[in-house]
N, C-alpha and C. Protein backbone atom coordinates (compact mmCIF):
# COMPACT_ATOMS: atom_id res chain seq x y z
N MET A 1 22.77 179.66 122.27
CA MET A 1 22.90 178.24 122.09
C MET A 1 21.76 177.53 122.80
N THR A 2 21.22 176.50 122.17
CA THR A 2 20.14 175.74 122.74
C THR A 2 20.69 174.71 123.71
N SER A 3 20.03 174.58 124.87
CA SER A 3 20.46 173.56 125.82
C SER A 3 19.74 172.25 125.50
N PHE A 4 20.34 171.16 125.88
CA PHE A 4 19.72 169.87 125.63
C PHE A 4 20.04 168.93 126.78
N GLN A 5 19.19 167.94 126.94
CA GLN A 5 19.34 166.95 128.00
C GLN A 5 19.71 165.61 127.38
N ILE A 6 20.83 165.07 127.80
CA ILE A 6 21.27 163.77 127.30
C ILE A 6 20.51 162.69 128.05
N SER A 7 19.91 161.76 127.29
CA SER A 7 19.12 160.71 127.91
C SER A 7 19.93 159.44 128.19
N VAL A 8 20.95 159.18 127.40
CA VAL A 8 21.76 157.97 127.58
C VAL A 8 23.24 158.33 127.46
N PHE A 9 24.03 157.91 128.45
CA PHE A 9 25.48 158.04 128.40
C PHE A 9 26.03 156.63 128.21
N GLY A 10 26.82 156.42 127.15
CA GLY A 10 27.33 155.09 126.88
C GLY A 10 28.81 155.10 126.54
N VAL A 11 29.39 153.91 126.57
CA VAL A 11 30.79 153.71 126.20
C VAL A 11 30.88 152.58 125.19
N GLY A 12 31.88 152.65 124.34
CA GLY A 12 32.11 151.59 123.37
C GLY A 12 33.59 151.35 123.18
N ALA A 13 33.96 150.07 123.04
CA ALA A 13 35.35 149.70 122.81
C ALA A 13 35.56 149.48 121.33
N VAL A 14 36.40 150.29 120.72
CA VAL A 14 36.83 150.07 119.34
C VAL A 14 37.99 149.07 119.46
N LEU A 15 37.63 147.77 119.48
CA LEU A 15 38.61 146.69 119.63
C LEU A 15 39.22 146.41 118.27
N PHE A 16 40.53 146.67 118.13
CA PHE A 16 41.17 146.53 116.83
C PHE A 16 42.39 145.64 116.91
N THR A 17 42.62 144.89 115.83
CA THR A 17 43.77 143.99 115.75
C THR A 17 44.93 144.73 115.07
N PRO A 18 46.14 144.22 115.22
CA PRO A 18 47.29 144.87 114.58
C PRO A 18 47.17 144.99 113.05
N ASP A 19 46.42 144.08 112.42
CA ASP A 19 46.26 144.16 110.97
C ASP A 19 45.05 144.99 110.54
N GLY A 20 44.44 145.74 111.48
CA GLY A 20 43.39 146.69 111.12
C GLY A 20 41.99 146.11 111.01
N GLN A 21 41.71 145.03 111.71
CA GLN A 21 40.35 144.51 111.75
C GLN A 21 39.70 144.93 113.06
N TYR A 22 38.36 144.90 113.09
CA TYR A 22 37.61 145.38 114.24
C TYR A 22 36.69 144.28 114.74
N LEU A 23 36.74 144.03 116.05
CA LEU A 23 35.89 143.01 116.66
C LEU A 23 34.54 143.63 116.98
N MET A 24 33.50 143.03 116.41
CA MET A 24 32.15 143.55 116.58
C MET A 24 31.25 142.47 117.19
N GLN A 25 30.17 142.92 117.81
CA GLN A 25 29.20 142.04 118.44
C GLN A 25 27.89 142.11 117.65
N LEU A 26 27.32 140.94 117.32
CA LEU A 26 25.97 140.90 116.78
C LEU A 26 25.03 140.92 117.97
N ARG A 27 24.33 142.04 118.10
CA ARG A 27 23.49 142.26 119.28
C ARG A 27 22.36 141.24 119.33
N ASP A 28 21.95 140.91 120.55
CA ASP A 28 20.84 139.97 120.74
C ASP A 28 19.61 140.46 120.00
N ASP A 29 18.77 139.53 119.58
CA ASP A 29 17.54 139.86 118.86
C ASP A 29 16.35 139.74 119.82
N LEU A 30 16.40 140.54 120.89
CA LEU A 30 15.37 140.54 121.92
C LEU A 30 14.67 141.90 121.94
N PRO A 31 13.38 141.93 122.22
CA PRO A 31 12.66 143.22 122.25
C PRO A 31 13.25 144.24 123.21
N SER A 32 13.91 143.80 124.27
CA SER A 32 14.47 144.73 125.27
C SER A 32 15.81 145.33 124.84
N VAL A 33 16.39 144.86 123.74
CA VAL A 33 17.71 145.31 123.29
C VAL A 33 17.55 146.36 122.20
N SER A 34 18.17 147.52 122.40
CA SER A 34 18.11 148.53 121.34
C SER A 34 19.02 148.10 120.19
N MET A 35 18.63 148.43 118.99
CA MET A 35 19.37 148.07 117.78
C MET A 35 19.61 146.55 117.74
N ARG A 36 18.60 145.80 118.12
CA ARG A 36 18.73 144.34 118.15
C ARG A 36 19.00 143.79 116.76
N GLY A 37 19.81 142.73 116.73
CA GLY A 37 20.14 142.10 115.47
C GLY A 37 21.08 142.92 114.59
N HIS A 38 21.72 143.94 115.16
CA HIS A 38 22.69 144.77 114.43
C HIS A 38 24.09 144.52 114.99
N TRP A 39 25.07 144.73 114.16
CA TRP A 39 26.46 144.67 114.60
C TRP A 39 26.81 145.97 115.31
N GLY A 40 27.50 145.88 116.42
CA GLY A 40 27.91 147.06 117.15
C GLY A 40 29.17 146.80 117.96
N LEU A 41 29.66 147.83 118.57
CA LEU A 41 30.83 147.71 119.44
C LEU A 41 30.44 147.08 120.77
N PHE A 42 31.40 146.49 121.43
CA PHE A 42 31.16 146.03 122.79
C PHE A 42 31.19 147.24 123.70
N GLY A 43 30.33 147.24 124.69
CA GLY A 43 30.22 148.37 125.60
C GLY A 43 28.81 148.46 126.12
N GLY A 44 28.43 149.61 126.62
CA GLY A 44 27.09 149.75 127.15
C GLY A 44 26.88 151.07 127.85
N VAL A 45 25.86 151.09 128.68
CA VAL A 45 25.44 152.30 129.37
C VAL A 45 26.28 152.52 130.63
N ILE A 46 26.64 153.75 130.86
CA ILE A 46 27.37 154.14 132.06
C ILE A 46 26.36 154.26 133.20
N GLU A 47 26.61 153.55 134.30
CA GLU A 47 25.71 153.62 135.44
C GLU A 47 25.90 154.94 136.19
N VAL A 48 24.87 155.37 136.91
CA VAL A 48 24.91 156.62 137.66
C VAL A 48 26.11 156.61 138.61
N GLY A 49 26.93 157.66 138.54
CA GLY A 49 28.09 157.81 139.39
C GLY A 49 29.32 157.04 138.93
N GLU A 50 29.22 156.31 137.84
CA GLU A 50 30.32 155.50 137.33
C GLU A 50 31.17 156.31 136.36
N GLU A 51 32.46 156.17 136.44
CA GLU A 51 33.36 156.81 135.48
C GLU A 51 33.30 156.04 134.17
N PRO A 52 33.39 156.73 133.02
CA PRO A 52 33.30 156.04 131.73
C PRO A 52 34.29 154.89 131.55
N ALA A 53 35.56 155.09 131.92
CA ALA A 53 36.55 154.03 131.76
C ALA A 53 36.22 152.83 132.63
N VAL A 54 35.72 153.07 133.83
CA VAL A 54 35.31 151.98 134.73
C VAL A 54 34.12 151.24 134.13
N ALA A 55 33.20 151.97 133.53
CA ALA A 55 32.04 151.35 132.89
C ALA A 55 32.48 150.44 131.76
N LEU A 56 33.45 150.88 130.98
CA LEU A 56 33.90 150.06 129.86
C LEU A 56 34.62 148.80 130.35
N VAL A 57 35.45 148.92 131.37
CA VAL A 57 36.11 147.75 131.93
C VAL A 57 35.05 146.74 132.41
N ARG A 58 34.01 147.24 133.08
CA ARG A 58 32.92 146.38 133.56
C ARG A 58 32.20 145.72 132.39
N GLU A 59 31.88 146.49 131.36
CA GLU A 59 31.16 145.95 130.20
C GLU A 59 31.98 144.90 129.47
N LEU A 60 33.27 145.11 129.31
CA LEU A 60 34.12 144.14 128.63
C LEU A 60 34.21 142.84 129.43
N ARG A 61 34.20 142.96 130.74
CA ARG A 61 34.21 141.76 131.59
C ARG A 61 32.88 141.01 131.43
N GLU A 62 31.76 141.74 131.46
CA GLU A 62 30.44 141.11 131.35
C GLU A 62 30.19 140.51 129.97
N GLU A 63 30.59 141.22 128.93
CA GLU A 63 30.24 140.82 127.58
C GLU A 63 31.23 139.84 126.95
N LEU A 64 32.50 139.88 127.38
CA LEU A 64 33.53 139.07 126.73
C LEU A 64 34.40 138.27 127.70
N ASP A 65 34.19 138.44 128.98
CA ASP A 65 35.08 137.85 129.98
C ASP A 65 36.51 138.32 129.73
N LEU A 66 36.63 139.58 129.31
CA LEU A 66 37.92 140.20 129.02
C LEU A 66 38.31 141.08 130.20
N GLU A 67 39.46 140.78 130.78
CA GLU A 67 39.96 141.54 131.91
C GLU A 67 41.00 142.55 131.43
N ILE A 68 40.62 143.81 131.47
CA ILE A 68 41.53 144.91 131.14
C ILE A 68 41.52 145.85 132.34
N GLN A 69 42.68 146.18 132.83
CA GLN A 69 42.77 147.04 134.00
C GLN A 69 42.59 148.51 133.65
N ASN A 70 43.09 148.89 132.46
CA ASN A 70 43.08 150.30 132.09
C ASN A 70 42.83 150.43 130.60
N VAL A 71 41.75 151.06 130.22
CA VAL A 71 41.43 151.24 128.80
C VAL A 71 42.02 152.53 128.24
N GLY A 72 42.73 153.28 129.08
CA GLY A 72 43.37 154.51 128.62
C GLY A 72 42.39 155.66 128.51
N GLU A 73 42.79 156.64 127.72
CA GLU A 73 41.98 157.83 127.52
C GLU A 73 40.97 157.60 126.39
N PRO A 74 39.85 158.32 126.41
CA PRO A 74 38.89 158.18 125.30
C PRO A 74 39.54 158.52 123.96
N PHE A 75 39.14 157.79 122.94
CA PHE A 75 39.60 158.04 121.58
C PHE A 75 38.79 159.17 120.95
N SER A 76 37.47 159.12 121.12
CA SER A 76 36.58 160.13 120.55
C SER A 76 35.24 160.04 121.27
N GLN A 77 34.37 161.00 120.97
CA GLN A 77 33.03 161.02 121.55
C GLN A 77 32.04 161.45 120.48
N LEU A 78 30.81 161.07 120.67
CA LEU A 78 29.76 161.46 119.74
C LEU A 78 28.49 161.75 120.51
N ILE A 79 27.90 162.88 120.23
CA ILE A 79 26.57 163.22 120.78
C ILE A 79 25.62 163.22 119.60
N PHE A 80 24.56 162.44 119.69
CA PHE A 80 23.63 162.33 118.57
C PHE A 80 22.19 162.35 119.06
N ASP A 81 21.35 162.98 118.25
CA ASP A 81 19.94 163.18 118.59
C ASP A 81 19.10 162.12 117.87
N LEU A 82 18.44 161.30 118.66
CA LEU A 82 17.56 160.27 118.10
C LEU A 82 16.09 160.60 118.34
N GLY A 83 15.81 161.90 118.45
CA GLY A 83 14.44 162.35 118.65
C GLY A 83 13.50 161.86 117.56
N PHE A 84 14.01 161.74 116.34
CA PHE A 84 13.18 161.26 115.23
C PHE A 84 12.69 159.83 115.48
N ALA A 85 13.37 159.09 116.37
CA ALA A 85 12.99 157.72 116.69
C ALA A 85 12.35 157.62 118.08
N GLY A 86 12.08 158.79 118.68
CA GLY A 86 11.45 158.82 119.99
C GLY A 86 12.39 158.50 121.14
N ARG A 87 13.68 158.64 120.93
CA ARG A 87 14.66 158.24 121.95
C ARG A 87 15.23 159.44 122.71
N GLY A 88 15.62 160.48 122.05
CA GLY A 88 16.28 161.60 122.70
C GLY A 88 17.72 161.70 122.28
N ILE A 89 18.53 162.30 123.14
CA ILE A 89 19.93 162.57 122.81
C ILE A 89 20.82 161.60 123.56
N ASP A 90 21.74 160.97 122.82
CA ASP A 90 22.69 160.03 123.40
C ASP A 90 24.10 160.60 123.31
N HIS A 91 24.94 160.18 124.21
CA HIS A 91 26.34 160.57 124.24
C HIS A 91 27.14 159.28 124.36
N LYS A 92 28.00 159.01 123.41
CA LYS A 92 28.82 157.79 123.45
C LYS A 92 30.29 158.17 123.43
N ILE A 93 31.04 157.55 124.33
CA ILE A 93 32.47 157.76 124.44
C ILE A 93 33.16 156.50 123.91
N PHE A 94 34.06 156.69 122.96
CA PHE A 94 34.77 155.58 122.33
C PHE A 94 36.19 155.47 122.89
N TYR A 95 36.59 154.25 123.19
CA TYR A 95 37.95 153.94 123.61
C TYR A 95 38.55 153.00 122.58
N ALA A 96 39.77 153.28 122.12
CA ALA A 96 40.48 152.39 121.20
C ALA A 96 41.27 151.39 122.03
N VAL A 97 41.00 150.11 121.81
CA VAL A 97 41.63 149.05 122.60
C VAL A 97 42.22 148.03 121.64
N SER A 98 43.53 147.89 121.67
CA SER A 98 44.21 146.93 120.81
C SER A 98 44.01 145.52 121.37
N ILE A 99 43.79 144.56 120.47
CA ILE A 99 43.60 143.17 120.89
C ILE A 99 44.20 142.26 119.82
N THR A 100 44.82 141.19 120.25
CA THR A 100 45.41 140.25 119.31
C THR A 100 44.39 139.15 118.97
N GLU A 101 44.61 138.50 117.83
CA GLU A 101 43.71 137.41 117.45
C GLU A 101 43.82 136.24 118.43
N SER A 102 44.98 136.03 119.02
CA SER A 102 45.09 134.96 120.02
C SER A 102 44.26 135.31 121.26
N ALA A 103 44.23 136.57 121.65
CA ALA A 103 43.39 136.99 122.78
C ALA A 103 41.91 136.83 122.43
N ILE A 104 41.55 137.11 121.19
CA ILE A 104 40.15 136.96 120.76
C ILE A 104 39.72 135.51 120.89
N ARG A 105 40.58 134.57 120.56
CA ARG A 105 40.22 133.15 120.65
C ARG A 105 39.93 132.72 122.10
N ARG A 106 40.44 133.44 123.07
CA ARG A 106 40.21 133.11 124.49
C ARG A 106 38.94 133.77 125.04
N LEU A 107 38.32 134.67 124.30
CA LEU A 107 37.14 135.38 124.79
C LEU A 107 35.94 134.44 124.89
N ARG A 108 35.07 134.74 125.84
CA ARG A 108 33.81 134.01 125.98
C ARG A 108 32.68 135.02 125.89
N LEU A 109 31.82 134.84 124.91
CA LEU A 109 30.72 135.77 124.67
C LEU A 109 29.67 135.65 125.78
N GLY A 110 29.45 136.73 126.49
CA GLY A 110 28.47 136.77 127.57
C GLY A 110 27.18 137.44 127.17
N GLU A 111 27.22 138.25 126.13
CA GLU A 111 26.04 138.94 125.59
C GLU A 111 26.16 138.97 124.09
N GLY A 112 25.03 139.00 123.43
CA GLY A 112 25.04 139.06 121.98
C GLY A 112 24.93 137.66 121.37
N GLN A 113 24.65 137.64 120.06
CA GLN A 113 24.49 136.36 119.36
C GLN A 113 25.83 135.77 118.94
N ARG A 114 26.75 136.64 118.56
CA ARG A 114 28.08 136.19 118.18
C ARG A 114 28.99 137.39 118.02
N MET A 115 30.25 137.11 117.77
CA MET A 115 31.23 138.17 117.51
C MET A 115 31.98 137.80 116.24
N ALA A 116 32.51 138.82 115.57
CA ALA A 116 33.27 138.58 114.34
C ALA A 116 34.20 139.76 114.10
N LEU A 117 35.28 139.46 113.37
CA LEU A 117 36.20 140.49 112.94
C LEU A 117 35.77 141.03 111.58
N PHE A 118 35.85 142.34 111.42
CA PHE A 118 35.50 143.01 110.18
C PHE A 118 36.62 143.96 109.78
N SER A 119 36.89 144.06 108.50
CA SER A 119 37.66 145.19 108.00
C SER A 119 36.70 146.36 107.94
N LEU A 120 37.23 147.57 107.83
CA LEU A 120 36.35 148.74 107.69
C LEU A 120 35.48 148.58 106.45
N GLU A 121 36.07 148.13 105.35
CA GLU A 121 35.33 148.00 104.09
C GLU A 121 34.17 147.03 104.24
N ALA A 122 34.39 145.90 104.90
CA ALA A 122 33.32 144.92 105.10
C ALA A 122 32.24 145.47 106.02
N LEU A 123 32.64 146.21 107.03
CA LEU A 123 31.66 146.78 107.96
C LEU A 123 30.79 147.82 107.26
N VAL A 124 31.39 148.63 106.40
CA VAL A 124 30.62 149.64 105.66
C VAL A 124 29.58 148.97 104.77
N ARG A 125 29.90 147.81 104.22
CA ARG A 125 28.96 147.08 103.35
C ARG A 125 27.88 146.33 104.13
N GLU A 126 28.11 146.13 105.41
CA GLU A 126 27.16 145.40 106.25
C GLU A 126 25.87 146.21 106.40
N PRO A 127 24.70 145.64 106.04
CA PRO A 127 23.45 146.43 106.09
C PRO A 127 22.92 146.67 107.50
N ARG A 128 23.33 145.86 108.48
CA ARG A 128 22.79 146.01 109.83
C ARG A 128 23.92 146.28 110.82
N VAL A 129 24.32 147.55 110.88
CA VAL A 129 25.35 147.98 111.81
C VAL A 129 24.86 149.27 112.47
N THR A 130 25.12 149.43 113.76
CA THR A 130 24.68 150.64 114.44
C THR A 130 25.47 151.83 113.89
N PRO A 131 24.78 152.87 113.43
CA PRO A 131 25.47 153.98 112.76
C PRO A 131 26.47 154.71 113.64
N TRP A 132 26.20 154.86 114.91
CA TRP A 132 27.14 155.58 115.78
C TRP A 132 28.40 154.75 116.01
N ASP A 133 28.26 153.43 116.05
CA ASP A 133 29.46 152.60 116.19
C ASP A 133 30.26 152.55 114.89
N LEU A 134 29.56 152.61 113.76
CA LEU A 134 30.27 152.70 112.48
C LEU A 134 31.08 153.99 112.42
N TYR A 135 30.55 155.07 112.97
CA TYR A 135 31.30 156.32 113.06
C TYR A 135 32.59 156.11 113.85
N GLY A 136 32.49 155.47 115.03
CA GLY A 136 33.67 155.25 115.86
C GLY A 136 34.72 154.43 115.16
N VAL A 137 34.30 153.36 114.49
CA VAL A 137 35.26 152.51 113.77
C VAL A 137 35.86 153.27 112.59
N THR A 138 35.04 153.97 111.83
CA THR A 138 35.53 154.72 110.67
C THR A 138 36.55 155.77 111.09
N LEU A 139 36.24 156.51 112.13
CA LEU A 139 37.17 157.54 112.60
C LEU A 139 38.48 156.91 113.05
N HIS A 140 38.39 155.77 113.72
CA HIS A 140 39.62 155.10 114.14
C HIS A 140 40.42 154.61 112.94
N ALA A 141 39.75 153.98 111.99
CA ALA A 141 40.44 153.43 110.81
C ALA A 141 41.10 154.52 109.98
N LYS A 142 40.51 155.70 109.96
CA LYS A 142 41.03 156.81 109.15
C LYS A 142 41.75 157.86 109.99
N ARG A 143 42.12 157.51 111.20
CA ARG A 143 42.67 158.50 112.13
C ARG A 143 43.93 159.19 111.60
N ASP A 144 44.81 158.45 110.95
CA ASP A 144 46.05 159.07 110.46
C ASP A 144 45.76 160.07 109.35
N SER A 145 44.89 159.71 108.41
CA SER A 145 44.59 160.64 107.31
C SER A 145 43.76 161.83 107.81
N VAL A 146 42.90 161.60 108.78
CA VAL A 146 42.13 162.71 109.36
C VAL A 146 43.08 163.67 110.08
N ALA A 147 43.98 163.12 110.88
CA ALA A 147 44.93 163.98 111.60
C ALA A 147 45.80 164.76 110.64
N ALA A 148 46.27 164.11 109.57
CA ALA A 148 47.12 164.78 108.59
C ALA A 148 46.36 165.90 107.88
N ALA A 149 45.11 165.63 107.52
CA ALA A 149 44.30 166.65 106.83
C ALA A 149 44.02 167.84 107.75
N LEU A 150 43.83 167.59 109.02
CA LEU A 150 43.56 168.68 109.96
C LEU A 150 44.80 169.50 110.25
N ARG A 151 45.99 168.93 110.07
CA ARG A 151 47.23 169.67 110.30
C ARG A 151 47.64 170.52 109.10
N ARG A 152 47.08 170.21 107.93
CA ARG A 152 47.44 170.98 106.74
C ARG A 152 46.95 172.41 106.85
N PRO A 153 47.78 173.36 106.45
CA PRO A 153 47.32 174.76 106.48
C PRO A 153 46.24 174.96 105.41
N ASN A 154 45.34 175.87 105.71
CA ASN A 154 44.22 176.14 104.78
C ASN A 154 44.68 176.81 103.51
């Protein structure tokens, strides 16, 4: 097996409403922001020595003024190689976090250009969405059918 070095460790909140919509952030359009001007999950980079869940709580506070004490266990993870873009290997941990529309109305955007709710279908049609975050949302939206298919005998 080939060994590899992960260059970025990140976390993302799959913020979902009871009716199956996903809260996404339109990332700032600044040269210092990766995937600028794209829709993505709220979250960010895990600081050295920081636990992933603690990093996500911090990021949600910074980006949305959202106070959550416990984001629970990770929903899924993705390791992806962006060597073709000169970046290296990233590791993103996804947490599924339920949120109500009334709670969304109380949020204050601290980073990004704006936020919006998307159905999975609308997000898939969106031309500017971060592919790894689309993976996290898609897996969450299809979690029941994926779990059922994996339980079926071959």
